[in-house]
Full PDB file with SEQRES, HELIX, SHEET, SSBOND, CRYST1, ORIGX, SCALE, CONECT and MASTER records, all heavy atoms in Angstrom:
SEQRES   1 A   28  ARG ASP LEU GLY VAL MET LEU ASP ASP SER PHE SER THR          
SEQRES   2 A   28  ILE ARG ARG LEU LEU GLY PRO GLY THR ARG LYS ALA SER          
SEQRES   3 A   28  GLN ALA                                                      
HELIX    1 AA1 LEU A    3  LEU A   17  1                                  15    
CRYST1    1.000    1.000    1.000  90.00  90.00  90.00 P 1           1          
ORIGX1      1.000000  0.000000  0.000000        0.00000                         
ORIGX2      0.000000  1.000000  0.000000        0.00000                         
ORIGX3      0.000000  0.000000  1.000000        0.00000                         
SCALE1      1.000000  0.000000  0.000000        0.00000                         
SCALE2      0.000000  1.000000  0.000000        0.00000                         
SCALE3      0.000000  0.000000  1.000000        0.00000                         
ATOM      1  N   ARG A   1       2.407  -8.542  14.900  1.00  0.00           N  
ATOM      2  CA  ARG A   1       3.474  -7.657  15.365  1.00  0.00           C  
ATOM      3  C   ARG A   1       2.852  -6.366  15.849  1.00  0.00           C  
ATOM      4  O   ARG A   1       1.652  -6.270  15.997  1.00  0.00           O  
ATOM      5  CB  ARG A   1       4.448  -7.369  14.216  1.00  0.00           C  
ATOM      6  CG  ARG A   1       5.146  -8.615  13.670  1.00  0.00           C  
ATOM      7  CD  ARG A   1       5.783  -8.318  12.322  1.00  0.00           C  
ATOM      8  NE  ARG A   1       4.757  -8.175  11.291  1.00  0.00           N  
ATOM      9  CZ  ARG A   1       4.969  -7.596  10.127  1.00  0.00           C  
ATOM     10  NH1 ARG A   1       6.140  -7.059   9.853  1.00  0.00           N  
ATOM     11  NH2 ARG A   1       4.002  -7.518   9.237  1.00  0.00           N  
ATOM     12  N   ASP A   2       3.688  -5.395  16.095  1.00  0.00           N  
ATOM     13  CA  ASP A   2       3.182  -4.084  16.468  1.00  0.00           C  
ATOM     14  C   ASP A   2       2.244  -3.582  15.372  1.00  0.00           C  
ATOM     15  O   ASP A   2       2.563  -3.648  14.184  1.00  0.00           O  
ATOM     16  CB  ASP A   2       4.362  -3.124  16.644  1.00  0.00           C  
ATOM     17  CG  ASP A   2       3.898  -1.716  16.936  1.00  0.00           C  
ATOM     18  OD1 ASP A   2       3.540  -1.445  18.090  1.00  0.00           O  
ATOM     19  OD2 ASP A   2       3.879  -0.916  15.987  1.00  0.00           O  
ATOM     20  N   LEU A   3       1.071  -3.049  15.768  1.00  0.00           N  
ATOM     21  CA  LEU A   3       0.069  -2.632  14.791  1.00  0.00           C  
ATOM     22  C   LEU A   3       0.602  -1.553  13.862  1.00  0.00           C  
ATOM     23  O   LEU A   3       0.328  -1.564  12.660  1.00  0.00           O  
ATOM     24  CB  LEU A   3      -1.187  -2.142  15.507  1.00  0.00           C  
ATOM     25  CG  LEU A   3      -2.342  -1.732  14.597  1.00  0.00           C  
ATOM     26  CD1 LEU A   3      -2.839  -2.919  13.787  1.00  0.00           C  
ATOM     27  CD2 LEU A   3      -3.488  -1.145  15.408  1.00  0.00           C  
ATOM     28  N   GLY A   4       1.374  -0.611  14.417  1.00  0.00           N  
ATOM     29  CA  GLY A   4       1.932   0.452  13.581  1.00  0.00           C  
ATOM     30  C   GLY A   4       2.831  -0.090  12.489  1.00  0.00           C  
ATOM     31  O   GLY A   4       2.794   0.366  11.338  1.00  0.00           O  
ATOM     32  N   VAL A   5       3.637  -1.112  12.832  1.00  0.00           N  
ATOM     33  CA  VAL A   5       4.524  -1.739  11.834  1.00  0.00           C  
ATOM     34  C   VAL A   5       3.690  -2.435  10.766  1.00  0.00           C  
ATOM     35  O   VAL A   5       3.981  -2.350   9.563  1.00  0.00           O  
ATOM     36  CB  VAL A   5       5.487  -2.731  12.518  1.00  0.00           C  
ATOM     37  CG1 VAL A   5       6.308  -3.474  11.481  1.00  0.00           C  
ATOM     38  CG2 VAL A   5       6.402  -2.005  13.487  1.00  0.00           C  
ATOM     39  N   MET A   6       2.623  -3.126  11.209  1.00  0.00           N  
ATOM     40  CA  MET A   6       1.751  -3.815  10.253  1.00  0.00           C  
ATOM     41  C   MET A   6       1.105  -2.824   9.295  1.00  0.00           C  
ATOM     42  O   MET A   6       1.034  -3.064   8.080  1.00  0.00           O  
ATOM     43  CB  MET A   6       0.675  -4.594  11.013  1.00  0.00           C  
ATOM     44  CG  MET A   6       1.221  -5.746  11.848  1.00  0.00           C  
ATOM     45  SD  MET A   6      -0.036  -6.489  12.906  1.00  0.00           S  
ATOM     46  CE  MET A   6      -1.164  -7.155  11.690  1.00  0.00           C  
ATOM     47  N   LEU A   7       0.638  -1.694   9.831  1.00  0.00           N  
ATOM     48  CA  LEU A   7       0.006  -0.697   8.970  1.00  0.00           C  
ATOM     49  C   LEU A   7       1.021  -0.016   8.067  1.00  0.00           C  
ATOM     50  O   LEU A   7       0.709   0.336   6.929  1.00  0.00           O  
ATOM     51  CB  LEU A   7      -0.750   0.331   9.818  1.00  0.00           C  
ATOM     52  CG  LEU A   7      -1.995  -0.201  10.529  1.00  0.00           C  
ATOM     53  CD1 LEU A   7      -2.646   0.893  11.374  1.00  0.00           C  
ATOM     54  CD2 LEU A   7      -2.999  -0.761   9.540  1.00  0.00           C  
ATOM     55  N   ASP A   8       2.241   0.192   8.566  1.00  0.00           N  
ATOM     56  CA  ASP A   8       3.303   0.741   7.707  1.00  0.00           C  
ATOM     57  C   ASP A   8       3.486  -0.137   6.473  1.00  0.00           C  
ATOM     58  O   ASP A   8       3.611   0.353   5.346  1.00  0.00           O  
ATOM     59  CB  ASP A   8       4.628   0.828   8.472  1.00  0.00           C  
ATOM     60  CG  ASP A   8       4.718   2.086   9.331  1.00  0.00           C  
ATOM     61  OD1 ASP A   8       4.059   3.084   8.989  1.00  0.00           O  
ATOM     62  OD2 ASP A   8       5.442   2.060  10.335  1.00  0.00           O  
ATOM     63  N   ASP A   9       3.506  -1.459   6.683  1.00  0.00           N  
ATOM     64  CA  ASP A   9       3.646  -2.391   5.563  1.00  0.00           C  
ATOM     65  C   ASP A   9       2.470  -2.268   4.601  1.00  0.00           C  
ATOM     66  O   ASP A   9       2.646  -2.268   3.376  1.00  0.00           O  
ATOM     67  CB  ASP A   9       3.737  -3.839   6.074  1.00  0.00           C  
ATOM     68  CG  ASP A   9       5.057  -4.127   6.765  1.00  0.00           C  
ATOM     69  OD1 ASP A   9       5.984  -3.315   6.624  1.00  0.00           O  
ATOM     70  OD2 ASP A   9       5.149  -5.167   7.451  1.00  0.00           O  
ATOM     71  N   SER A  10       1.259  -2.176   5.176  1.00  0.00           N  
ATOM     72  CA  SER A  10       0.066  -2.070   4.325  1.00  0.00           C  
ATOM     73  C   SER A  10       0.096  -0.806   3.478  1.00  0.00           C  
ATOM     74  O   SER A  10      -0.217  -0.836   2.281  1.00  0.00           O  
ATOM     75  CB  SER A  10      -1.201  -2.071   5.193  1.00  0.00           C  
ATOM     76  OG  SER A  10      -1.367  -3.305   5.855  1.00  0.00           O  
ATOM     77  N   PHE A  11       0.497   0.311   4.091  1.00  0.00           N  
ATOM     78  CA  PHE A  11       0.498   1.562   3.341  1.00  0.00           C  
ATOM     79  C   PHE A  11       1.643   1.620   2.330  1.00  0.00           C  
ATOM     80  O   PHE A  11       1.534   2.304   1.316  1.00  0.00           O  
ATOM     81  CB  PHE A  11       0.533   2.752   4.295  1.00  0.00           C  
ATOM     82  CG  PHE A  11      -0.799   3.016   4.945  1.00  0.00           C  
ATOM     83  CD1 PHE A  11      -1.010   2.743   6.277  1.00  0.00           C  
ATOM     84  CD2 PHE A  11      -1.855   3.510   4.194  1.00  0.00           C  
ATOM     85  CE1 PHE A  11      -2.232   2.962   6.873  1.00  0.00           C  
ATOM     86  CE2 PHE A  11      -3.096   3.737   4.781  1.00  0.00           C  
ATOM     87  CZ  PHE A  11      -3.291   3.458   6.114  1.00  0.00           C  
ATOM     88  N   SER A  12       2.723   0.897   2.590  1.00  0.00           N  
ATOM     89  CA  SER A  12       3.782   0.789   1.578  1.00  0.00           C  
ATOM     90  C   SER A  12       3.235   0.085   0.348  1.00  0.00           C  
ATOM     91  O   SER A  12       3.500   0.482  -0.801  1.00  0.00           O  
ATOM     92  CB  SER A  12       4.976   0.020   2.141  1.00  0.00           C  
ATOM     93  OG  SER A  12       5.592   0.746   3.188  1.00  0.00           O  
ATOM     94  N   THR A  13       2.443  -0.965   0.581  1.00  0.00           N  
ATOM     95  CA  THR A  13       1.812  -1.686  -0.532  1.00  0.00           C  
ATOM     96  C   THR A  13       0.818  -0.796  -1.262  1.00  0.00           C  
ATOM     97  O   THR A  13       0.776  -0.770  -2.495  1.00  0.00           O  
ATOM     98  CB  THR A  13       1.086  -2.935  -0.005  1.00  0.00           C  
ATOM     99  OG1 THR A  13       2.031  -3.790   0.655  1.00  0.00           O  
ATOM    100  CG2 THR A  13       0.418  -3.701  -1.143  1.00  0.00           C  
ATOM    101  N   ILE A  14       0.025  -0.032  -0.493  1.00  0.00           N  
ATOM    102  CA  ILE A  14      -0.966   0.852  -1.101  1.00  0.00           C  
ATOM    103  C   ILE A  14      -0.292   1.888  -1.991  1.00  0.00           C  
ATOM    104  O   ILE A  14      -0.747   2.164  -3.107  1.00  0.00           O  
ATOM    105  CB  ILE A  14      -1.804   1.539  -0.002  1.00  0.00           C  
ATOM    106  CG1 ILE A  14      -2.709   0.515   0.692  1.00  0.00           C  
ATOM    107  CG2 ILE A  14      -2.639   2.688  -0.574  1.00  0.00           C  
ATOM    108  CD1 ILE A  14      -3.343   1.009   1.971  1.00  0.00           C  
ATOM    109  N   ARG A  15       0.824   2.458  -1.528  1.00  0.00           N  
ATOM    110  CA  ARG A  15       1.513   3.477  -2.327  1.00  0.00           C  
ATOM    111  C   ARG A  15       2.094   2.870  -3.600  1.00  0.00           C  
ATOM    112  O   ARG A  15       2.133   3.524  -4.646  1.00  0.00           O  
ATOM    113  CB  ARG A  15       2.605   4.147  -1.490  1.00  0.00           C  
ATOM    114  CG  ARG A  15       2.030   5.111  -0.448  1.00  0.00           C  
ATOM    115  CD  ARG A  15       3.092   6.040   0.112  1.00  0.00           C  
ATOM    116  NE  ARG A  15       2.482   7.041   0.970  1.00  0.00           N  
ATOM    117  CZ  ARG A  15       2.308   6.911   2.270  1.00  0.00           C  
ATOM    118  NH1 ARG A  15       2.715   5.796   2.873  1.00  0.00           N  
ATOM    119  NH2 ARG A  15       1.733   7.859   2.980  1.00  0.00           N  
ATOM    120  N   ARG A  16       2.544   1.614  -3.519  1.00  0.00           N  
ATOM    121  CA  ARG A  16       3.035   0.955  -4.748  1.00  0.00           C  
ATOM    122  C   ARG A  16       1.889   0.771  -5.741  1.00  0.00           C  
ATOM    123  O   ARG A  16       2.061   0.960  -6.948  1.00  0.00           O  
ATOM    124  CB  ARG A  16       3.658  -0.397  -4.408  1.00  0.00           C  
ATOM    125  CG  ARG A  16       5.040  -0.307  -3.766  1.00  0.00           C  
ATOM    126  CD  ARG A  16       5.777  -1.638  -3.849  1.00  0.00           C  
ATOM    127  NE  ARG A  16       5.059  -2.701  -3.145  1.00  0.00           N  
ATOM    128  CZ  ARG A  16       5.220  -2.971  -1.857  1.00  0.00           C  
ATOM    129  NH1 ARG A  16       6.059  -2.246  -1.129  1.00  0.00           N  
ATOM    130  NH2 ARG A  16       4.560  -3.957  -1.299  1.00  0.00           N  
ATOM    131  N   LEU A  17       0.723   0.398  -5.223  1.00  0.00           N  
ATOM    132  CA  LEU A  17      -0.432   0.209  -6.099  1.00  0.00           C  
ATOM    133  C   LEU A  17      -0.901   1.517  -6.724  1.00  0.00           C  
ATOM    134  O   LEU A  17      -1.491   1.528  -7.804  1.00  0.00           O  
ATOM    135  CB  LEU A  17      -1.584  -0.425  -5.310  1.00  0.00           C  
ATOM    136  CG  LEU A  17      -1.357  -1.864  -4.827  1.00  0.00           C  
ATOM    137  CD1 LEU A  17      -2.485  -2.295  -3.889  1.00  0.00           C  
ATOM    138  CD2 LEU A  17      -1.253  -2.821  -6.006  1.00  0.00           C  
ATOM    139  N   LEU A  18      -0.653   2.629  -6.020  1.00  0.00           N  
ATOM    140  CA  LEU A  18      -1.070   3.945  -6.520  1.00  0.00           C  
ATOM    141  C   LEU A  18       0.002   4.618  -7.364  1.00  0.00           C  
ATOM    142  O   LEU A  18      -0.189   5.737  -7.836  1.00  0.00           O  
ATOM    143  CB  LEU A  18      -1.422   4.861  -5.342  1.00  0.00           C  
ATOM    144  CG  LEU A  18      -2.661   4.477  -4.524  1.00  0.00           C  
ATOM    145  CD1 LEU A  18      -2.780   5.379  -3.301  1.00  0.00           C  
ATOM    146  CD2 LEU A  18      -3.924   4.553  -5.370  1.00  0.00           C  
ATOM    147  N   GLY A  19       1.136   3.939  -7.550  1.00  0.00           N  
ATOM    148  CA  GLY A  19       2.236   4.525  -8.300  1.00  0.00           C  
ATOM    149  C   GLY A  19       1.869   4.793  -9.746  1.00  0.00           C  
ATOM    150  O   GLY A  19       0.921   4.218 -10.288  1.00  0.00           O  
ATOM    151  N   PRO A  20       2.595   5.700 -10.388  1.00  0.00           N  
ATOM    152  CA  PRO A  20       2.289   6.050 -11.789  1.00  0.00           C  
ATOM    153  C   PRO A  20       2.383   4.830 -12.702  1.00  0.00           C  
ATOM    154  O   PRO A  20       3.310   4.026 -12.603  1.00  0.00           O  
ATOM    155  CB  PRO A  20       3.371   7.094 -12.136  1.00  0.00           C  
ATOM    156  CG  PRO A  20       4.455   6.910 -11.118  1.00  0.00           C  
ATOM    157  CD  PRO A  20       3.787   6.405  -9.886  1.00  0.00           C  
ATOM    158  N   GLY A  21       1.376   4.691 -13.565  1.00  0.00           N  
ATOM    159  CA  GLY A  21       1.383   3.623 -14.545  1.00  0.00           C  
ATOM    160  C   GLY A  21       0.911   2.271 -14.037  1.00  0.00           C  
ATOM    161  O   GLY A  21       0.877   1.306 -14.791  1.00  0.00           O  
ATOM    162  N   THR A  22       0.515   2.170 -12.743  1.00  0.00           N  
ATOM    163  CA  THR A  22       0.119   0.865 -12.213  1.00  0.00           C  
ATOM    164  C   THR A  22      -1.342   0.526 -12.493  1.00  0.00           C  
ATOM    165  O   THR A  22      -1.696  -0.614 -12.701  1.00  0.00           O  
ATOM    166  CB  THR A  22       0.370   0.796 -10.698  1.00  0.00           C  
ATOM    167  OG1 THR A  22      -0.358   1.848 -10.070  1.00  0.00           O  
ATOM    168  CG2 THR A  22       1.847   0.944 -10.390  1.00  0.00           C  
ATOM    169  N   ARG A  23      -2.227   1.533 -12.433  1.00  0.00           N  
ATOM    170  CA  ARG A  23      -3.660   1.345 -12.679  1.00  0.00           C  
ATOM    171  C   ARG A  23      -4.250   0.263 -11.769  1.00  0.00           C  
ATOM    172  O   ARG A  23      -4.968  -0.623 -12.222  1.00  0.00           O  
ATOM    173  CB  ARG A  23      -3.923   0.989 -14.142  1.00  0.00           C  
ATOM    174  CG  ARG A  23      -3.420   2.037 -15.111  1.00  0.00           C  
ATOM    175  CD  ARG A  23      -3.914   1.822 -16.501  1.00  0.00           C  
ATOM    176  NE  ARG A  23      -3.474   2.888 -17.361  1.00  0.00           N  
ATOM    177  CZ  ARG A  23      -4.142   3.300 -18.433  1.00  0.00           C  
ATOM    178  NH1 ARG A  23      -5.281   2.741 -18.748  1.00  0.00           N  
ATOM    179  NH2 ARG A  23      -3.684   4.277 -19.177  1.00  0.00           N  
ATOM    180  N   LYS A  24      -3.916   0.326 -10.519  1.00  0.00           N  
ATOM    181  CA  LYS A  24      -4.416  -0.662  -9.567  1.00  0.00           C  
ATOM    182  C   LYS A  24      -5.138   0.025  -8.406  1.00  0.00           C  
ATOM    183  O   LYS A  24      -5.043  -0.394  -7.262  1.00  0.00           O  
ATOM    184  CB  LYS A  24      -3.269  -1.526  -9.052  1.00  0.00           C  
ATOM    185  CG  LYS A  24      -2.626  -2.382 -10.143  1.00  0.00           C  
ATOM    186  CD  LYS A  24      -1.512  -3.250  -9.593  1.00  0.00           C  
ATOM    187  CE  LYS A  24      -0.902  -4.115 -10.702  1.00  0.00           C  
ATOM    188  NZ  LYS A  24       0.217  -4.947 -10.196  1.00  0.00           N  
ATOM    189  N   ALA A  25      -5.882   1.091  -8.738  1.00  0.00           N  
ATOM    190  CA  ALA A  25      -6.577   1.853  -7.703  1.00  0.00           C  
ATOM    191  C   ALA A  25      -7.611   1.000  -6.974  1.00  0.00           C  
ATOM    192  O   ALA A  25      -7.830   1.162  -5.773  1.00  0.00           O  
ATOM    193  CB  ALA A  25      -7.242   3.084  -8.315  1.00  0.00           C  
ATOM    194  N   SER A  26      -8.274   0.074  -7.707  1.00  0.00           N  
ATOM    195  CA  SER A  26      -9.288  -0.761  -7.059  1.00  0.00           C  
ATOM    196  C   SER A  26      -8.664  -1.670  -6.015  1.00  0.00           C  
ATOM    197  O   SER A  26      -9.242  -1.915  -4.947  1.00  0.00           O  
ATOM    198  CB  SER A  26     -10.038  -1.597  -8.098  1.00  0.00           C  
ATOM    199  OG  SER A  26      -9.146  -2.440  -8.797  1.00  0.00           O  
ATOM    200  N   GLN A  27      -7.435  -2.176  -6.294  1.00  0.00           N  
ATOM    201  CA  GLN A  27      -6.744  -3.003  -5.307  1.00  0.00           C  
ATOM    202  C   GLN A  27      -6.322  -2.171  -4.103  1.00  0.00           C  
ATOM    203  O   GLN A  27      -6.408  -2.621  -2.961  1.00  0.00           O  
ATOM    204  CB  GLN A  27      -5.520  -3.669  -5.945  1.00  0.00           C  
ATOM    205  CG  GLN A  27      -5.866  -4.696  -7.015  1.00  0.00           C  
ATOM    206  CD  GLN A  27      -4.622  -5.339  -7.592  1.00  0.00           C  
ATOM    207  OE1 GLN A  27      -3.661  -5.626  -6.879  1.00  0.00           O  
ATOM    208  NE2 GLN A  27      -4.628  -5.562  -8.902  1.00  0.00           N  
ATOM    209  N   ALA A  28      -5.859  -0.931  -4.376  1.00  0.00           N  
ATOM    210  CA  ALA A  28      -5.469  -0.045  -3.287  1.00  0.00           C  
ATOM    211  C   ALA A  28      -6.673   0.269  -2.405  1.00  0.00           C  
ATOM    212  O   ALA A  28      -6.568   0.303  -1.169  1.00  0.00           O  
ATOM    213  CB  ALA A  28      -4.877   1.247  -3.849  1.00  0.00           C  
TER     214      ALA A  28                                                      
MASTER        0    0    0    1    0    0    0    6  213    1    0    3          
END                                                                             
């Protein structure tokens, strides 16, 4: 799809991984 949309999805995932209490910084 549009690259910007694809990256928006990726960064939404990254922010979830960086959320408080997740401890998934290595995945992010």
